[in-house]
Amino acid sequence: MNDRSCPLCEMNEILDHPGRHECVTCGHEWDAAVEEAAEASSRIVKDAYGNVLADGDVVAMIKDLKLKGSSEVLKVGTKSKPIRLVDGDHEISCRMDGMAIGLKACFVKKVMH
């Protein structure tokens, strides 16, 4: 395996094929040229459905998610206040149900206005 990670599930078990890559974990395939271009530009964060997220977007939960360290659960459909993209394991910083939280983009969808 290598130091690359899947843009969809972020796992690092990647198969290299001529001109493309494939994730062993989720089966997602992408062009090698697209990956090289993405590495050259700034980081792109996508929601669970592949929509590109930006600062100020509003997102909604796509599944119930128990918050670590508490008994709180974010329910499906819970909407955030405008988000802020951050570096690190949790790409999204926002407020939901009056709490400041960090979320992984794979658990949310962009709310279209």
N, C-alpha and C. Protein backbone atom coordinates (compact mmCIF):
# COMPACT_ATOMS: atom_id res chain seq x y z
N MET A 1 0.84 -1.18 0.00
CA MET A 1 0.00 0.00 0.00
C MET A 1 0.89 1.25 0.00
N ASN A 2 0.29 2.44 0.07
CA ASN A 2 1.07 3.66 -0.05
C ASN A 2 0.57 4.73 0.91
N ASP A 3 1.10 5.95 0.77
CA ASP A 3 0.72 7.04 1.67
C ASP A 3 -0.48 7.83 1.18
N ARG A 4 -1.07 7.44 0.06
CA ARG A 4 -2.27 8.10 -0.46
C ARG A 4 -3.50 7.64 0.32
N SER A 5 -4.54 8.48 0.34
CA SER A 5 -5.80 8.08 0.97
C SER A 5 -6.95 8.35 0.02
N CYS A 6 -8.03 7.60 0.21
CA CYS A 6 -9.22 7.73 -0.63
C CYS A 6 -9.89 9.08 -0.36
N PRO A 7 -10.24 9.82 -1.41
CA PRO A 7 -10.91 11.11 -1.20
C PRO A 7 -12.33 10.96 -0.66
N LEU A 8 -12.90 9.76 -0.74
CA LEU A 8 -14.27 9.55 -0.28
C LEU A 8 -14.32 9.08 1.17
N CYS A 9 -13.60 7.99 1.49
CA CYS A 9 -13.67 7.42 2.84
C CYS A 9 -12.41 7.68 3.65
N GLU A 10 -11.36 8.22 3.04
CA GLU A 10 -10.10 8.59 3.67
C GLU A 10 -9.28 7.41 4.19
N MET A 11 -9.61 6.20 3.75
CA MET A 11 -8.79 5.04 4.12
C MET A 11 -7.57 5.03 3.21
N ASN A 12 -6.49 4.36 3.64
CA ASN A 12 -5.26 4.41 2.85
C ASN A 12 -4.91 3.11 2.14
N GLU A 13 -5.86 2.20 2.00
CA GLU A 13 -5.63 0.98 1.24
C GLU A 13 -6.04 1.23 -0.21
N ILE A 14 -5.05 1.64 -1.02
CA ILE A 14 -5.29 2.08 -2.39
C ILE A 14 -4.59 1.14 -3.37
N LEU A 15 -5.33 0.77 -4.43
CA LEU A 15 -4.74 0.01 -5.53
C LEU A 15 -4.41 0.97 -6.65
N ASP A 16 -3.20 0.85 -7.21
CA ASP A 16 -2.79 1.69 -8.33
C ASP A 16 -3.01 0.94 -9.63
N HIS A 17 -3.77 1.54 -10.52
CA HIS A 17 -4.01 1.01 -11.87
C HIS A 17 -3.45 2.03 -12.85
N PRO A 18 -3.21 1.64 -14.10
CA PRO A 18 -2.71 2.61 -15.09
C PRO A 18 -3.67 3.79 -15.24
N GLY A 19 -3.24 4.99 -14.81
CA GLY A 19 -4.02 6.21 -14.97
C GLY A 19 -5.10 6.44 -13.93
N ARG A 20 -5.29 5.51 -13.00
CA ARG A 20 -6.34 5.69 -11.99
C ARG A 20 -5.97 4.96 -10.71
N HIS A 21 -6.72 5.27 -9.65
CA HIS A 21 -6.54 4.63 -8.35
C HIS A 21 -7.88 4.07 -7.90
N GLU A 22 -7.84 3.03 -7.06
CA GLU A 22 -9.06 2.41 -6.55
C GLU A 22 -8.90 2.15 -5.05
N CYS A 23 -9.94 2.49 -4.28
CA CYS A 23 -9.94 2.26 -2.84
C CYS A 23 -10.41 0.83 -2.57
N VAL A 24 -9.62 0.08 -1.83
CA VAL A 24 -9.97 -1.30 -1.48
C VAL A 24 -11.16 -1.31 -0.54
N THR A 25 -11.26 -0.33 0.34
CA THR A 25 -12.30 -0.30 1.37
C THR A 25 -13.69 0.00 0.80
N CYS A 26 -13.82 1.10 0.04
CA CYS A 26 -15.16 1.50 -0.43
C CYS A 26 -15.38 1.29 -1.93
N GLY A 27 -14.32 0.98 -2.68
CA GLY A 27 -14.46 0.74 -4.11
C GLY A 27 -14.44 1.99 -4.97
N HIS A 28 -14.27 3.16 -4.36
CA HIS A 28 -14.24 4.42 -5.11
C HIS A 28 -13.03 4.44 -6.05
N GLU A 29 -13.24 4.90 -7.28
CA GLU A 29 -12.16 5.02 -8.26
C GLU A 29 -12.02 6.47 -8.68
N TRP A 30 -10.77 6.92 -8.91
CA TRP A 30 -10.53 8.28 -9.37
C TRP A 30 -9.29 8.31 -10.24
N ASP A 31 -9.24 9.33 -11.12
CA ASP A 31 -8.12 9.49 -12.05
C ASP A 31 -6.88 9.95 -11.29
N ALA A 32 -5.73 9.43 -11.68
CA ALA A 32 -4.47 9.84 -11.06
C ALA A 32 -4.19 11.31 -11.35
N ALA A 33 -4.53 11.77 -12.56
CA ALA A 33 -4.28 13.17 -12.93
C ALA A 33 -5.12 14.12 -12.07
N VAL A 34 -6.34 13.73 -11.74
CA VAL A 34 -7.20 14.57 -10.90
C VAL A 34 -6.60 14.67 -9.50
N GLU A 35 -6.07 13.57 -9.00
CA GLU A 35 -5.46 13.59 -7.67
C GLU A 35 -4.25 14.52 -7.64
N GLU A 36 -3.41 14.46 -8.69
CA GLU A 36 -2.23 15.32 -8.74
C GLU A 36 -2.62 16.78 -8.80
N ALA A 37 -3.67 17.11 -9.55
CA ALA A 37 -4.14 18.49 -9.66
C ALA A 37 -4.70 18.95 -8.31
N ALA A 38 -5.41 18.07 -7.62
CA ALA A 38 -5.99 18.42 -6.32
C ALA A 38 -4.90 18.67 -5.29
N GLU A 39 -3.82 17.89 -5.34
CA GLU A 39 -2.73 18.09 -4.41
C GLU A 39 -2.04 19.43 -4.65
N ALA A 40 -1.98 19.84 -5.92
CA ALA A 40 -1.33 21.10 -6.26
C ALA A 40 -2.17 22.30 -5.81
N SER A 41 -3.49 22.17 -5.86
CA SER A 41 -4.37 23.27 -5.45
C SER A 41 -4.68 23.15 -3.96
N SER A 42 -5.53 24.03 -3.48
CA SER A 42 -5.89 23.98 -2.07
C SER A 42 -6.78 22.77 -1.79
N ARG A 43 -6.92 22.45 -0.54
CA ARG A 43 -7.68 21.28 -0.12
C ARG A 43 -9.16 21.46 -0.46
N ILE A 44 -9.77 20.41 -0.98
CA ILE A 44 -11.19 20.42 -1.32
C ILE A 44 -11.90 19.47 -0.39
N VAL A 45 -12.95 19.94 0.28
CA VAL A 45 -13.73 19.12 1.20
C VAL A 45 -15.08 18.86 0.55
N LYS A 46 -15.47 17.57 0.50
CA LYS A 46 -16.75 17.19 -0.10
C LYS A 46 -17.62 16.50 0.93
N ASP A 47 -18.94 16.70 0.80
CA ASP A 47 -19.87 16.05 1.71
C ASP A 47 -20.05 14.58 1.32
N ALA A 48 -20.96 13.90 1.96
CA ALA A 48 -21.17 12.46 1.72
C ALA A 48 -21.64 12.17 0.30
N TYR A 49 -22.18 13.15 -0.39
CA TYR A 49 -22.70 12.95 -1.74
C TYR A 49 -21.81 13.58 -2.82
N GLY A 50 -20.64 14.05 -2.43
CA GLY A 50 -19.70 14.59 -3.40
C GLY A 50 -19.84 16.07 -3.69
N ASN A 51 -20.70 16.77 -2.98
CA ASN A 51 -20.84 18.22 -3.16
C ASN A 51 -19.68 18.92 -2.46
N VAL A 52 -19.08 19.89 -3.14
CA VAL A 52 -17.96 20.63 -2.56
C VAL A 52 -18.48 21.59 -1.50
N LEU A 53 -17.85 21.56 -0.34
CA LEU A 53 -18.24 22.43 0.77
C LEU A 53 -17.31 23.64 0.85
N ALA A 54 -17.86 24.75 1.31
CA ALA A 54 -17.09 25.98 1.48
C ALA A 54 -17.49 26.64 2.79
N ASP A 55 -16.64 27.54 3.28
CA ASP A 55 -16.98 28.29 4.49
C ASP A 55 -18.31 28.99 4.28
N GLY A 56 -19.18 28.95 5.28
CA GLY A 56 -20.47 29.62 5.21
C GLY A 56 -21.61 28.75 4.72
N ASP A 57 -21.32 27.54 4.24
CA ASP A 57 -22.39 26.62 3.82
C ASP A 57 -23.13 26.12 5.05
N VAL A 58 -24.35 25.64 4.83
CA VAL A 58 -25.14 25.00 5.87
C VAL A 58 -25.22 23.52 5.52
N VAL A 59 -25.00 22.66 6.52
CA VAL A 59 -25.03 21.22 6.29
C VAL A 59 -26.06 20.58 7.20
N ALA A 60 -26.49 19.36 6.83
CA ALA A 60 -27.43 18.58 7.63
C ALA A 60 -26.87 17.18 7.83
N MET A 61 -27.18 16.58 8.97
CA MET A 61 -26.72 15.23 9.28
C MET A 61 -27.42 14.22 8.38
N ILE A 62 -26.68 13.18 7.93
CA ILE A 62 -27.29 12.15 7.10
C ILE A 62 -27.57 10.88 7.91
N LYS A 63 -27.09 10.81 9.15
CA LYS A 63 -27.37 9.68 10.04
C LYS A 63 -27.28 10.16 11.48
N ASP A 64 -27.89 9.41 12.38
CA ASP A 64 -27.77 9.74 13.80
C ASP A 64 -26.32 9.55 14.21
N LEU A 65 -25.80 10.48 14.99
CA LEU A 65 -24.41 10.43 15.40
C LEU A 65 -24.30 10.76 16.88
N LYS A 66 -23.82 9.77 17.67
CA LYS A 66 -23.63 9.99 19.10
C LYS A 66 -22.34 10.78 19.30
N LEU A 67 -22.41 11.82 20.10
CA LEU A 67 -21.24 12.64 20.37
C LEU A 67 -20.40 11.99 21.45
N LYS A 68 -19.11 11.85 21.18
CA LYS A 68 -18.21 11.24 22.16
C LYS A 68 -18.14 12.08 23.42
N GLY A 69 -18.11 11.39 24.56
CA GLY A 69 -17.97 12.08 25.83
C GLY A 69 -19.26 12.65 26.38
N SER A 70 -20.39 12.37 25.73
CA SER A 70 -21.66 12.87 26.25
C SER A 70 -22.78 11.91 25.84
N SER A 71 -23.96 12.16 26.35
CA SER A 71 -25.10 11.33 25.99
C SER A 71 -25.91 11.96 24.86
N GLU A 72 -25.43 13.06 24.30
CA GLU A 72 -26.12 13.77 23.22
C GLU A 72 -26.04 12.99 21.91
N VAL A 73 -27.10 13.07 21.11
CA VAL A 73 -27.13 12.45 19.78
C VAL A 73 -27.60 13.49 18.79
N LEU A 74 -26.84 13.66 17.71
CA LEU A 74 -27.29 14.52 16.62
C LEU A 74 -28.15 13.67 15.69
N LYS A 75 -29.39 14.03 15.53
CA LYS A 75 -30.35 13.25 14.75
C LYS A 75 -30.23 13.54 13.26
N VAL A 76 -30.70 12.61 12.44
CA VAL A 76 -30.74 12.79 10.99
C VAL A 76 -31.51 14.07 10.68
N GLY A 77 -30.99 14.87 9.77
CA GLY A 77 -31.67 16.09 9.36
C GLY A 77 -31.35 17.32 10.18
N THR A 78 -30.62 17.16 11.29
CA THR A 78 -30.24 18.31 12.10
C THR A 78 -29.36 19.23 11.27
N LYS A 79 -29.76 20.51 11.17
CA LYS A 79 -29.01 21.47 10.36
C LYS A 79 -28.05 22.27 11.22
N SER A 80 -26.96 22.67 10.59
CA SER A 80 -25.94 23.47 11.28
C SER A 80 -26.17 24.94 11.03
N LYS A 81 -25.48 25.74 11.81
CA LYS A 81 -25.31 27.16 11.48
C LYS A 81 -24.24 27.17 10.38
N PRO A 82 -23.94 28.31 9.78
CA PRO A 82 -22.88 28.34 8.74
C PRO A 82 -21.58 27.70 9.25
N ILE A 83 -20.99 26.86 8.40
CA ILE A 83 -19.81 26.09 8.79
C ILE A 83 -18.51 26.83 8.49
N ARG A 84 -17.44 26.32 9.10
CA ARG A 84 -16.09 26.79 8.81
C ARG A 84 -15.25 25.55 8.56
N LEU A 85 -14.50 25.53 7.45
CA LEU A 85 -13.63 24.40 7.13
C LEU A 85 -12.31 24.56 7.86
N VAL A 86 -11.85 23.48 8.46
CA VAL A 86 -10.61 23.49 9.23
C VAL A 86 -9.74 22.31 8.83
N ASP A 87 -8.46 22.40 9.14
CA ASP A 87 -7.55 21.29 8.89
C ASP A 87 -7.67 20.28 10.02
N GLY A 88 -7.33 19.04 9.72
CA GLY A 88 -7.34 18.02 10.75
C GLY A 88 -8.29 16.89 10.43
N ASP A 89 -8.48 16.03 11.40
CA ASP A 89 -9.30 14.84 11.24
C ASP A 89 -10.77 15.18 10.99
N HIS A 90 -11.28 16.19 11.68
CA HIS A 90 -12.65 16.65 11.49
C HIS A 90 -12.60 17.92 10.67
N GLU A 91 -13.06 17.86 9.43
CA GLU A 91 -12.89 18.96 8.48
C GLU A 91 -13.82 20.15 8.72
N ILE A 92 -14.91 19.94 9.47
CA ILE A 92 -15.93 20.97 9.62
C ILE A 92 -16.04 21.40 11.08
N SER A 93 -16.05 22.70 11.30
CA SER A 93 -16.31 23.27 12.61
C SER A 93 -17.61 24.06 12.50
N CYS A 94 -18.57 23.76 13.38
CA CYS A 94 -19.87 24.44 13.28
C CYS A 94 -20.60 24.36 14.60
N ARG A 95 -21.81 24.91 14.60
CA ARG A 95 -22.70 24.84 15.75
C ARG A 95 -23.96 24.10 15.33
N MET A 96 -24.35 23.12 16.15
CA MET A 96 -25.60 22.38 15.94
C MET A 96 -26.26 22.22 17.30
N ASP A 97 -27.53 22.46 17.36
CA ASP A 97 -28.29 22.34 18.61
C ASP A 97 -27.62 23.11 19.75
N GLY A 98 -27.04 24.27 19.45
CA GLY A 98 -26.44 25.11 20.46
C GLY A 98 -25.06 24.67 20.94
N MET A 99 -24.49 23.65 20.30
CA MET A 99 -23.16 23.15 20.69
C MET A 99 -22.16 23.42 19.59
N ALA A 100 -20.95 23.80 19.96
CA ALA A 100 -19.86 23.94 18.99
C ALA A 100 -19.24 22.55 18.82
N ILE A 101 -19.21 22.05 17.59
CA ILE A 101 -18.70 20.70 17.36
C ILE A 101 -17.83 20.65 16.11
N GLY A 102 -17.03 19.61 16.02
CA GLY A 102 -16.25 19.31 14.83
C GLY A 102 -16.83 18.06 14.19
N LEU A 103 -17.01 18.09 12.88
CA LEU A 103 -17.62 16.96 12.17
C LEU A 103 -16.74 16.51 11.02
N LYS A 104 -16.86 15.24 10.69
CA LYS A 104 -16.25 14.72 9.46
C LYS A 104 -17.26 14.94 8.34
N ALA A 105 -16.76 15.32 7.18
CA ALA A 105 -17.63 15.64 6.05
C ALA A 105 -18.44 14.45 5.57
N CYS A 106 -18.00 13.23 5.86
CA CYS A 106 -18.72 12.04 5.38
C CYS A 106 -20.04 11.81 6.10
N PHE A 107 -20.33 12.56 7.17
CA PHE A 107 -21.57 12.40 7.92
C PHE A 107 -22.59 13.49 7.64
N VAL A 108 -22.30 14.39 6.69
CA VAL A 108 -23.21 15.49 6.41
C VAL A 108 -23.49 15.63 4.91
N LYS A 109 -24.58 16.35 4.63
CA LYS A 109 -24.86 16.74 3.24
C LYS A 109 -25.07 18.24 3.20
N LYS A 110 -24.68 18.83 2.09
CA LYS A 110 -24.84 20.27 1.91
C LYS A 110 -26.31 20.57 1.72
N VAL A 111 -26.81 21.59 2.42
CA VAL A 111 -28.21 22.00 2.30
C VAL A 111 -28.27 23.03 1.19
N MET A 112 -29.02 22.71 0.14
CA MET A 112 -29.17 23.63 -0.99
C MET A 112 -30.30 24.60 -0.67
N HIS A 113 -30.06 25.86 -0.94
CA HIS A 113 -31.09 26.89 -0.63
C HIS A 113 -31.99 27.08 -1.80
